[in-house]
């Protein structure tokens, strides 16, 4: 149950991230990158986790944790890529 609540908390940022990526015209590129670069995504998640003390002044710890989790979890990466593509068509 706690895992489900954490997942919902992480996914709360998806809409804002998708809007930002769409505004920059990067949503399709990021979706393709998430689907094809799984080993690099895991490394990116670890880098985000390690850089939290440095990035904490600009980005909340919750958002960084959500982004790191997104990078490290195969199912979440795939789900977010699908979400980006759905947001693109909406």
N, C-alpha and C. Protein backbone atom coordinates (compact mmCIF):
# COMPACT_ATOMS: atom_id res chain seq x y z
N UNK A 1 0.83 -1.19 0.00
CA UNK A 1 0.00 0.00 0.00
C UNK A 1 0.88 1.26 0.00
N UNK A 2 1.93 1.25 0.79
CA UNK A 2 2.82 2.41 0.85
C UNK A 2 3.46 2.65 -0.51
N UNK A 3 3.81 1.56 -1.20
CA UNK A 3 4.39 1.67 -2.53
C UNK A 3 3.42 2.35 -3.49
N UNK A 4 2.15 2.00 -3.41
CA UNK A 4 1.12 2.60 -4.27
C UNK A 4 0.99 4.09 -4.00
N UNK A 5 1.01 4.47 -2.74
CA UNK A 5 0.91 5.89 -2.40
C UNK A 5 2.13 6.65 -2.91
N UNK A 6 3.30 6.06 -2.81
CA UNK A 6 4.51 6.69 -3.31
C UNK A 6 4.43 6.86 -4.82
N UNK A 7 3.96 5.83 -5.52
CA UNK A 7 3.83 5.90 -6.96
C UNK A 7 2.87 7.01 -7.37
N UNK A 8 1.76 7.14 -6.66
CA UNK A 8 0.81 8.20 -6.97
C UNK A 8 1.42 9.56 -6.73
N UNK A 9 2.20 9.69 -5.68
CA UNK A 9 2.87 10.96 -5.39
C UNK A 9 3.86 11.30 -6.50
N UNK A 10 4.60 10.31 -6.96
CA UNK A 10 5.56 10.54 -8.04
C UNK A 10 4.84 10.94 -9.32
N UNK A 11 3.75 10.27 -9.61
CA UNK A 11 3.03 10.55 -10.86
C UNK A 11 2.30 11.90 -10.83
N UNK A 12 2.19 12.49 -9.67
CA UNK A 12 1.53 13.80 -9.58
C UNK A 12 2.28 14.86 -10.38
N UNK A 13 3.56 14.66 -10.63
CA UNK A 13 4.36 15.63 -11.37
C UNK A 13 4.29 15.43 -12.89
N UNK A 14 3.77 14.31 -13.32
CA UNK A 14 3.81 13.98 -14.74
C UNK A 14 3.14 15.02 -15.63
N UNK A 15 1.99 15.51 -15.22
CA UNK A 15 1.26 16.46 -16.06
C UNK A 15 2.08 17.73 -16.27
N UNK A 16 2.65 18.25 -15.21
CA UNK A 16 3.47 19.47 -15.32
C UNK A 16 4.70 19.22 -16.17
N UNK A 17 5.35 18.06 -15.99
CA UNK A 17 6.52 17.73 -16.80
C UNK A 17 6.13 17.62 -18.27
N UNK A 18 5.01 16.97 -18.54
CA UNK A 18 4.56 16.79 -19.93
C UNK A 18 4.25 18.15 -20.56
N UNK A 19 3.62 19.04 -19.81
CA UNK A 19 3.33 20.38 -20.35
C UNK A 19 4.61 21.13 -20.69
N UNK A 20 5.59 21.05 -19.80
CA UNK A 20 6.86 21.73 -20.04
C UNK A 20 7.55 21.16 -21.27
N UNK A 21 7.60 19.83 -21.36
CA UNK A 21 8.23 19.21 -22.52
C UNK A 21 7.50 19.54 -23.82
N UNK A 22 6.18 19.57 -23.76
CA UNK A 22 5.40 19.92 -24.94
C UNK A 22 5.64 21.37 -25.34
N UNK A 23 5.73 22.25 -24.38
CA UNK A 23 6.00 23.66 -24.65
C UNK A 23 7.35 23.83 -25.35
N UNK A 24 8.32 23.03 -24.96
CA UNK A 24 9.65 23.09 -25.55
C UNK A 24 9.76 22.24 -26.82
N UNK A 25 8.70 21.50 -27.14
CA UNK A 25 8.71 20.64 -28.33
C UNK A 25 9.56 19.40 -28.16
N UNK A 26 9.73 18.94 -26.93
CA UNK A 26 10.61 17.81 -26.65
C UNK A 26 9.89 16.55 -26.21
N UNK A 27 8.56 16.58 -26.16
CA UNK A 27 7.84 15.45 -25.60
C UNK A 27 8.05 14.16 -26.39
N UNK A 28 8.02 14.22 -27.71
CA UNK A 28 8.22 13.01 -28.51
C UNK A 28 9.66 12.52 -28.40
N UNK A 29 10.60 13.45 -28.40
CA UNK A 29 12.02 13.09 -28.26
C UNK A 29 12.28 12.41 -26.91
N UNK A 30 11.75 12.98 -25.84
CA UNK A 30 11.94 12.42 -24.50
C UNK A 30 11.26 11.07 -24.40
N UNK A 31 10.08 10.91 -24.98
CA UNK A 31 9.39 9.62 -24.95
C UNK A 31 10.22 8.56 -25.65
N UNK A 32 10.77 8.88 -26.81
CA UNK A 32 11.61 7.93 -27.54
C UNK A 32 12.88 7.62 -26.75
N UNK A 33 13.46 8.63 -26.13
CA UNK A 33 14.67 8.44 -25.34
C UNK A 33 14.40 7.54 -24.14
N UNK A 34 13.28 7.75 -23.47
CA UNK A 34 12.93 6.91 -22.32
C UNK A 34 12.75 5.45 -22.72
N UNK A 35 12.18 5.23 -23.89
CA UNK A 35 11.94 3.87 -24.34
C UNK A 35 13.19 3.17 -24.85
N UNK A 36 14.13 3.92 -25.39
CA UNK A 36 15.27 3.27 -26.03
C UNK A 36 16.56 3.28 -25.20
N UNK A 37 16.65 4.11 -24.23
CA UNK A 37 17.91 4.26 -23.49
C UNK A 37 17.80 3.80 -22.05
N UNK A 38 17.26 2.62 -21.85
CA UNK A 38 17.04 2.12 -20.49
C UNK A 38 18.31 2.07 -19.65
N UNK A 39 19.42 1.51 -20.14
CA UNK A 39 20.63 1.48 -19.29
C UNK A 39 21.12 2.88 -18.93
N UNK A 40 21.03 3.81 -19.85
CA UNK A 40 21.45 5.18 -19.56
C UNK A 40 20.48 5.85 -18.61
N UNK A 41 19.21 5.50 -18.68
CA UNK A 41 18.21 6.07 -17.78
C UNK A 41 18.49 5.67 -16.34
N UNK A 42 18.91 4.44 -16.14
CA UNK A 42 19.24 3.98 -14.80
C UNK A 42 20.42 4.77 -14.25
N UNK A 43 21.42 4.98 -15.08
CA UNK A 43 22.57 5.79 -14.69
C UNK A 43 22.14 7.23 -14.40
N UNK A 44 21.25 7.78 -15.22
CA UNK A 44 20.75 9.14 -15.01
C UNK A 44 20.02 9.23 -13.67
N UNK A 45 19.25 8.21 -13.32
CA UNK A 45 18.56 8.20 -12.04
C UNK A 45 19.53 8.23 -10.87
N UNK A 46 20.60 7.50 -10.99
CA UNK A 46 21.62 7.50 -9.94
C UNK A 46 22.31 8.85 -9.84
N UNK A 47 22.58 9.46 -10.98
CA UNK A 47 23.21 10.79 -10.98
C UNK A 47 22.28 11.82 -10.34
N UNK A 48 21.00 11.74 -10.66
CA UNK A 48 20.02 12.67 -10.06
C UNK A 48 19.99 12.48 -8.55
N UNK A 49 19.98 11.24 -8.11
CA UNK A 49 19.96 10.96 -6.67
C UNK A 49 21.19 11.52 -5.98
N UNK A 50 22.36 11.32 -6.58
CA UNK A 50 23.60 11.81 -5.97
C UNK A 50 23.70 13.33 -6.01
N UNK A 51 23.06 13.96 -6.97
CA UNK A 51 23.18 15.42 -7.10
C UNK A 51 22.08 16.18 -6.37
N UNK A 52 21.23 15.49 -5.62
CA UNK A 52 20.17 16.17 -4.88
C UNK A 52 20.67 17.29 -3.99
N UNK A 53 21.78 17.13 -3.27
CA UNK A 53 22.25 18.26 -2.46
C UNK A 53 22.60 19.49 -3.30
N UNK A 54 23.11 19.29 -4.49
CA UNK A 54 23.48 20.41 -5.35
C UNK A 54 22.27 21.05 -6.02
N UNK A 55 21.31 20.24 -6.41
CA UNK A 55 20.14 20.74 -7.13
C UNK A 55 19.01 21.17 -6.20
N UNK A 56 19.15 20.87 -4.92
CA UNK A 56 18.09 21.15 -3.95
C UNK A 56 17.68 22.61 -3.87
N UNK A 57 18.55 23.53 -4.22
CA UNK A 57 18.19 24.94 -4.18
C UNK A 57 17.27 25.36 -5.31
N UNK A 58 17.27 24.60 -6.40
CA UNK A 58 16.46 24.95 -7.57
C UNK A 58 15.22 24.06 -7.73
N UNK A 59 15.34 22.82 -7.31
CA UNK A 59 14.26 21.85 -7.51
C UNK A 59 13.99 21.16 -6.17
N UNK A 60 12.71 20.95 -5.87
CA UNK A 60 12.37 20.32 -4.59
C UNK A 60 12.88 18.88 -4.55
N UNK A 61 13.15 18.42 -3.36
CA UNK A 61 13.64 17.06 -3.16
C UNK A 61 12.62 16.03 -3.65
N UNK A 62 11.33 16.35 -3.50
CA UNK A 62 10.28 15.43 -3.96
C UNK A 62 10.30 15.27 -5.47
N UNK A 63 10.47 16.39 -6.18
CA UNK A 63 10.52 16.31 -7.64
C UNK A 63 11.74 15.56 -8.11
N UNK A 64 12.88 15.79 -7.47
CA UNK A 64 14.09 15.07 -7.83
C UNK A 64 13.95 13.57 -7.55
N UNK A 65 13.34 13.23 -6.43
CA UNK A 65 13.12 11.82 -6.11
C UNK A 65 12.18 11.19 -7.14
N UNK A 66 11.15 11.92 -7.54
CA UNK A 66 10.22 11.40 -8.55
C UNK A 66 10.92 11.20 -9.89
N UNK A 67 11.77 12.14 -10.27
CA UNK A 67 12.50 12.02 -11.53
C UNK A 67 13.50 10.87 -11.48
N UNK A 68 14.20 10.73 -10.38
CA UNK A 68 15.15 9.62 -10.23
C UNK A 68 14.42 8.29 -10.30
N UNK A 69 13.28 8.20 -9.62
CA UNK A 69 12.49 6.96 -9.65
C UNK A 69 12.01 6.66 -11.07
N UNK A 70 11.57 7.68 -11.76
CA UNK A 70 11.11 7.51 -13.15
C UNK A 70 12.23 6.93 -14.01
N UNK A 71 13.42 7.44 -13.84
CA UNK A 71 14.56 6.96 -14.63
C UNK A 71 14.93 5.52 -14.30
N UNK A 72 14.80 5.15 -13.05
CA UNK A 72 15.27 3.84 -12.59
C UNK A 72 14.26 2.71 -12.74
N UNK A 73 13.00 3.02 -12.90
CA UNK A 73 11.95 2.00 -12.94
C UNK A 73 11.48 1.78 -14.38
N UNK A 74 11.66 0.55 -14.88
CA UNK A 74 11.30 0.23 -16.27
C UNK A 74 9.83 0.50 -16.57
N UNK A 75 8.95 0.06 -15.68
CA UNK A 75 7.52 0.24 -15.92
C UNK A 75 7.13 1.71 -15.89
N UNK A 76 7.72 2.46 -14.98
CA UNK A 76 7.41 3.89 -14.90
C UNK A 76 7.91 4.63 -16.14
N UNK A 77 9.11 4.29 -16.61
CA UNK A 77 9.63 4.92 -17.83
C UNK A 77 8.69 4.67 -19.00
N UNK A 78 8.28 3.44 -19.15
CA UNK A 78 7.37 3.09 -20.24
C UNK A 78 6.02 3.80 -20.10
N UNK A 79 5.51 3.84 -18.88
CA UNK A 79 4.21 4.49 -18.63
C UNK A 79 4.31 6.00 -18.89
N UNK A 80 5.42 6.62 -18.49
CA UNK A 80 5.56 8.06 -18.71
C UNK A 80 5.73 8.36 -20.20
N UNK A 81 6.45 7.50 -20.93
CA UNK A 81 6.58 7.69 -22.37
C UNK A 81 5.21 7.62 -23.04
N UNK A 82 4.39 6.67 -22.63
CA UNK A 82 3.02 6.58 -23.16
C UNK A 82 2.21 7.81 -22.78
N UNK A 83 2.37 8.27 -21.56
CA UNK A 83 1.67 9.46 -21.08
C UNK A 83 2.07 10.68 -21.92
N UNK A 84 3.35 10.80 -22.23
CA UNK A 84 3.80 11.92 -23.06
C UNK A 84 3.16 11.89 -24.44
N UNK A 85 3.06 10.71 -25.00
CA UNK A 85 2.46 10.58 -26.34
C UNK A 85 0.97 10.86 -26.28
N UNK A 86 0.29 10.47 -25.21
CA UNK A 86 -1.14 10.77 -25.06
C UNK A 86 -1.36 12.25 -24.90
N UNK A 87 -0.51 12.90 -24.12
CA UNK A 87 -0.63 14.35 -23.91
C UNK A 87 -0.40 15.10 -25.22
N UNK A 88 0.44 14.54 -26.06
CA UNK A 88 0.76 15.15 -27.34
C UNK A 88 -0.45 15.15 -28.27
N UNK A 89 -1.28 14.11 -28.17
CA UNK A 89 -2.44 14.00 -29.05
C UNK A 89 -3.65 14.72 -28.48
N UNK A 90 -3.62 15.01 -27.19
CA UNK A 90 -4.78 15.67 -26.53
C UNK A 90 -4.83 17.14 -26.84
